[in-house]
Every structure is written in C-alpha cells, then in structure tokens.
C-alpha cells in the first residue's frame, strides 16, 4: 500500500492493496482509523467526490487461511496503512476571542484561523 496519497477536493481516489500470499488471500478489507463503521471489501479502496472529511488513515487488512495437513486451519493476516490528504480551500474564517477585552498597559492576543483549515497550509 502506498504510504501517502493526495487528491483534489471533489476528485476521486483509488488505492490498491497489493498482497501476495500462498494460498491466495481469502479476504481483503479496508477500514478507517477513528471511523469504526467504515468498511470496504476488495483489493481497491475507492473514494468518490472527496471532501476534506475524507482525509485520514485507511488500513488494508489481508487475510488468508492455511490448511496444514493433519492440523486445524490457521488464519493469518497482515496490513498496510495509507494516509489520504484532500487538497481544499479553507472554510469560514474566525477570530478568537470573539469579544476581546483590552486592559490599558496589557497586551491582547487574537488568534485567527479557518474551519476547516485549508490543505495544504499556506
């Protein structure tokens, strides 16, 4: 599996989980870190019409079953992880604190940003 992949917002991305095993893999499953309900089966991870929310780490888990003669079957698995980053414009700008209070003779710190931050960062 590639370690890093970038895609433009609104674009599609495909990542291949390359695995060789003897016997051949019985299952290939994609999962996403921090998103337990995400699951895709098969050698390819397909993400379509991507948004910033699709960025993150995706793991491909390959499983095969060994059949040693005279012994019970044994399941073996291995995995690889790719980080997907979606290039996108920054979201709505903000300044914190919303209502700053200044005291004469004291400094005031204002923080500006955007939610979500754009990628890549300037």
C-alpha atoms as a PDB file:
ATOM      1  CA  UNK A   1       0.000   0.000   0.000  1.00  0.00           C
ATOM      2  CA  UNK A   2       1.241   3.472  -0.792  1.00  0.00           C
ATOM      3  CA  UNK A   3       2.094   5.430   2.357  1.00  0.00           C
ATOM      4  CA  UNK A   4       0.619   8.772   1.242  1.00  0.00           C
ATOM      5  CA  UNK A   5      -1.890   9.874  -1.402  1.00  0.00           C
ATOM      6  CA  UNK A   6      -3.248  13.352  -2.238  1.00  0.00           C
ATOM      7  CA  UNK A   7      -6.455  14.160  -4.076  1.00  0.00           C
ATOM      8  CA  UNK A   8      -8.170  17.421  -5.039  1.00  0.00           C
ATOM      9  CA  UNK A   9     -11.488  18.155  -3.322  1.00  0.00           C
ATOM     10  CA  UNK A  10     -14.312  16.814  -5.463  1.00  0.00           C
ATOM     11  CA  UNK A  11     -11.990  14.301  -7.106  1.00  0.00           C
ATOM     12  CA  UNK A  12     -11.886  10.528  -6.899  1.00  0.00           C
ATOM     13  CA  UNK A  13      -9.071   8.473  -5.430  1.00  0.00           C
ATOM     14  CA  UNK A  14      -8.250   4.782  -5.701  1.00  0.00           C
ATOM     15  CA  UNK A  15      -5.599   2.956  -3.678  1.00  0.00           C
ATOM     16  CA  UNK A  16      -4.564  -0.623  -4.338  1.00  0.00           C
ATOM     17  CA  UNK A  17      -3.780  -3.079  -1.569  1.00  0.00           C
ATOM     18  CA  UNK A  18      -1.028  -5.200  -3.100  1.00  0.00           C
ATOM     19  CA  UNK A  19      -0.598  -8.540  -1.386  1.00  0.00           C
ATOM     20  CA  UNK A  20       0.937 -11.847  -2.272  1.00  0.00           C
ATOM     21  CA  UNK A  21       0.243 -14.930  -0.201  1.00  0.00           C
ATOM     22  CA  UNK A  22       0.250 -18.678  -0.574  1.00  0.00           C
ATOM     23  CA  UNK A  23      -2.516 -19.664  -0.523  1.00  0.00           C
ATOM     24  CA  UNK A  24      -4.116 -16.606  -2.112  1.00  0.00           C
ATOM     25  CA  UNK A  25      -5.796 -14.129   0.279  1.00  0.00           C
ATOM     26  CA  UNK A  26      -9.288 -15.188   1.319  1.00  0.00           C
ATOM     27  CA  UNK A  27     -10.319 -11.617   2.236  1.00  0.00           C
ATOM     28  CA  UNK A  28      -9.114  -8.046   1.767  1.00  0.00           C
ATOM     29  CA  UNK A  29     -10.835  -5.400   3.880  1.00  0.00           C
ATOM     30  CA  UNK A  30     -10.342  -1.640   4.153  1.00  0.00           C
ATOM     31  CA  UNK A  31     -11.040   0.179   7.433  1.00  0.00           C
ATOM     32  CA  UNK A  32     -10.589   3.788   8.528  1.00  0.00           C
ATOM     33  CA  UNK A  33      -8.917   4.947  11.729  1.00  0.00           C
ATOM     34  CA  UNK A  34     -11.415   6.700  14.021  1.00  0.00           C
ATOM     35  CA  UNK A  35     -14.418   5.595  11.921  1.00  0.00           C
ATOM     36  CA  UNK A  36     -15.424   2.096  13.092  1.00  0.00           C
ATOM     37  CA  UNK A  37     -18.437   1.926  10.745  1.00  0.00           C
ATOM     38  CA  UNK A  38     -16.303   2.455   7.621  1.00  0.00           C
ATOM     39  CA  UNK A  39     -15.635  -0.757   5.695  1.00  0.00           C
ATOM     40  CA  UNK A  40     -14.852  -1.631   2.092  1.00  0.00           C
ATOM     41  CA  UNK A  41     -14.094  -5.111   0.811  1.00  0.00           C
ATOM     42  CA  UNK A  42     -11.717  -5.856  -2.027  1.00  0.00           C
ATOM     43  CA  UNK A  43      -8.248  -5.056  -3.287  1.00  0.00           C
ATOM     44  CA  UNK A  44      -9.080  -1.422  -4.135  1.00  0.00           C
ATOM     45  CA  UNK A  45     -10.148   1.436  -1.856  1.00  0.00           C
ATOM     46  CA  UNK A  46     -12.402   3.793  -3.850  1.00  0.00           C
ATOM     47  CA  UNK A  47     -13.378   7.252  -2.566  1.00  0.00           C
ATOM     48  CA  UNK A  48     -15.505   9.378  -4.858  1.00  0.00           C
ATOM     49  CA  UNK A  49     -16.294  13.118  -4.845  1.00  0.00           C
ATOM     50  CA  UNK A  50     -13.936  13.642  -1.908  1.00  0.00           C
ATOM     51  CA  UNK A  51     -14.226  16.392   0.696  1.00  0.00           C
ATOM     52  CA  UNK A  52     -11.842  17.399   3.482  1.00  0.00           C
ATOM     53  CA  UNK A  53     -13.746  14.971   5.724  1.00  0.00           C
ATOM     54  CA  UNK A  54     -12.415  12.024   3.678  1.00  0.00           C
ATOM     55  CA  UNK A  55      -8.850  12.773   4.729  1.00  0.00           C
ATOM     56  CA  UNK A  56      -7.296  10.348   7.197  1.00  0.00           C
ATOM     57  CA  UNK A  57      -5.673   6.959   7.612  1.00  0.00           C
ATOM     58  CA  UNK A  58      -7.062   3.908   5.845  1.00  0.00           C
ATOM     59  CA  UNK A  59      -5.836   0.385   6.588  1.00  0.00           C
ATOM     60  CA  UNK A  60      -5.981  -2.597   4.285  1.00  0.00           C
ATOM     61  CA  UNK A  61      -6.070  -5.962   6.101  1.00  0.00           C
ATOM     62  CA  UNK A  62      -5.334  -9.098   4.095  1.00  0.00           C
ATOM     63  CA  UNK A  63      -6.332 -12.497   5.481  1.00  0.00           C
ATOM     64  CA  UNK A  64      -5.592 -15.987   4.261  1.00  0.00           C
ATOM     65  CA  UNK A  65      -6.273 -19.416   5.715  1.00  0.00           C
ATOM     66  CA  UNK A  66      -3.535 -22.019   5.970  1.00  0.00           C
ATOM     67  CA  UNK A  67      -4.531 -25.675   5.616  1.00  0.00           C
ATOM     68  CA  UNK A  68      -1.617 -27.688   7.066  1.00  0.00           C
ATOM     69  CA  UNK A  69      -2.172 -31.413   6.519  1.00  0.00           C
ATOM     70  CA  UNK A  70      -3.364 -33.199   9.638  1.00  0.00           C
ATOM     71  CA  UNK A  71      -3.741 -29.929  11.587  1.00  0.00           C
ATOM     72  CA  UNK A  72      -6.564 -27.436  12.127  1.00  0.00           C
ATOM     73  CA  UNK A  73      -6.835 -24.490   9.718  1.00  0.00           C
ATOM     74  CA  UNK A  74      -4.912 -21.375  10.717  1.00  0.00           C
ATOM     75  CA  UNK A  75      -5.905 -17.825   9.849  1.00  0.00           C
ATOM     76  CA  UNK A  76      -3.099 -15.374   9.098  1.00  0.00           C
ATOM     77  CA  UNK A  77      -3.364 -11.654   8.368  1.00  0.00           C
ATOM     78  CA  UNK A  78      -1.210  -8.637   7.599  1.00  0.00           C
ATOM     79  CA  UNK A  79      -1.955  -4.991   6.948  1.00  0.00           C
ATOM     80  CA  UNK A  80      -0.753  -1.711   5.498  1.00  0.00           C
ATOM     81  CA  UNK A  81      -1.890   1.876   6.033  1.00  0.00           C
ATOM     82  CA  UNK A  82      -2.196   4.829   3.662  1.00  0.00           C
ATOM     83  CA  UNK A  83      -2.751   8.457   4.660  1.00  0.00           C
ATOM     84  CA  UNK A  84      -5.092  10.289   2.309  1.00  0.00           C
ATOM     85  CA  UNK A  85      -4.971  14.086   2.224  1.00  0.00           C
ATOM     86  CA  UNK A  86      -7.608  16.098   0.370  1.00  0.00           C
ATOM     87  CA  UNK A  87      -6.446  19.431  -1.103  1.00  0.00           C
ATOM     88  CA  UNK A  88      -9.129  22.016  -0.320  1.00  0.00           C
ATOM     89  CA  UNK A  89      -9.728  25.711   0.303  1.00  0.00           C
ATOM     90  CA  UNK A  90     -10.033  26.936   3.886  1.00  0.00           C
ATOM     91  CA  UNK A  91     -13.533  27.169   5.365  1.00  0.00           C
ATOM     92  CA  UNK A  92     -15.091  30.040   7.292  1.00  0.00           C
ATOM     93  CA  UNK A  93     -12.590  32.409   8.910  1.00  0.00           C
ATOM     94  CA  UNK A  94     -12.748  33.225  12.609  1.00  0.00           C
ATOM     95  CA  UNK A  95     -11.030  35.381  15.228  1.00  0.00           C
ATOM     96  CA  UNK A  96     -10.775  34.344  18.894  1.00  0.00           C
ATOM     97  CA  UNK A  97     -11.713  35.527  21.384  1.00  0.00           C
ATOM     98  CA  UNK A  98     -14.958  36.662  19.769  1.00  0.00           C
ATOM     99  CA  UNK A  99     -15.252  39.661  22.095  1.00  0.00           C
ATOM    100  CA  UNK A 100     -11.735  40.593  23.218  1.00  0.00           C
ATOM    101  CA  UNK A 101     -11.251  42.746  26.268  1.00  0.00           C
ATOM    102  CA  UNK A 102      -8.309  45.125  26.381  1.00  0.00           C
ATOM    103  CA  UNK A 103      -6.751  46.493  29.540  1.00  0.00           C
ATOM    104  CA  UNK A 104      -4.540  49.553  29.269  1.00  0.00           C
ATOM    105  CA  UNK A 105      -0.889  48.598  29.520  1.00  0.00           C
ATOM    106  CA  UNK A 106      -1.571  44.881  28.907  1.00  0.00           C
ATOM    107  CA  UNK A 107      -1.180  43.009  25.636  1.00  0.00           C
ATOM    108  CA  UNK A 108      -4.100  41.340  23.883  1.00  0.00           C
ATOM    109  CA  UNK A 109      -3.676  38.157  21.861  1.00  0.00           C
ATOM    110  CA  UNK A 110      -6.034  37.475  18.975  1.00  0.00           C
ATOM    111  CA  UNK A 111      -5.984  34.197  17.095  1.00  0.00           C
ATOM    112  CA  UNK A 112      -7.306  33.881  13.581  1.00  0.00           C
ATOM    113  CA  UNK A 113      -7.953  30.741  11.614  1.00  0.00           C
ATOM    114  CA  UNK A 114     -10.431  28.893   9.450  1.00  0.00           C
ATOM    115  CA  UNK A 115     -12.651  25.880   9.998  1.00  0.00           C
ATOM    116  CA  UNK A 116     -11.760  23.641   8.342  1.00  0.00           C
ATOM    117  CA  UNK A 117      -8.184  24.694   7.718  1.00  0.00           C
ATOM    118  CA  UNK A 118      -7.188  24.555   4.107  1.00  0.00           C
ATOM    119  CA  UNK A 119      -4.793  21.920   2.803  1.00  0.00           C
ATOM    120  CA  UNK A 120      -2.017  22.326   2.152  1.00  0.00           C
ATOM    121  CA  UNK A 121      -1.469  25.046   4.729  1.00  0.00           C
ATOM    122  CA  UNK A 122      -0.050  28.300   3.317  1.00  0.00           C
END
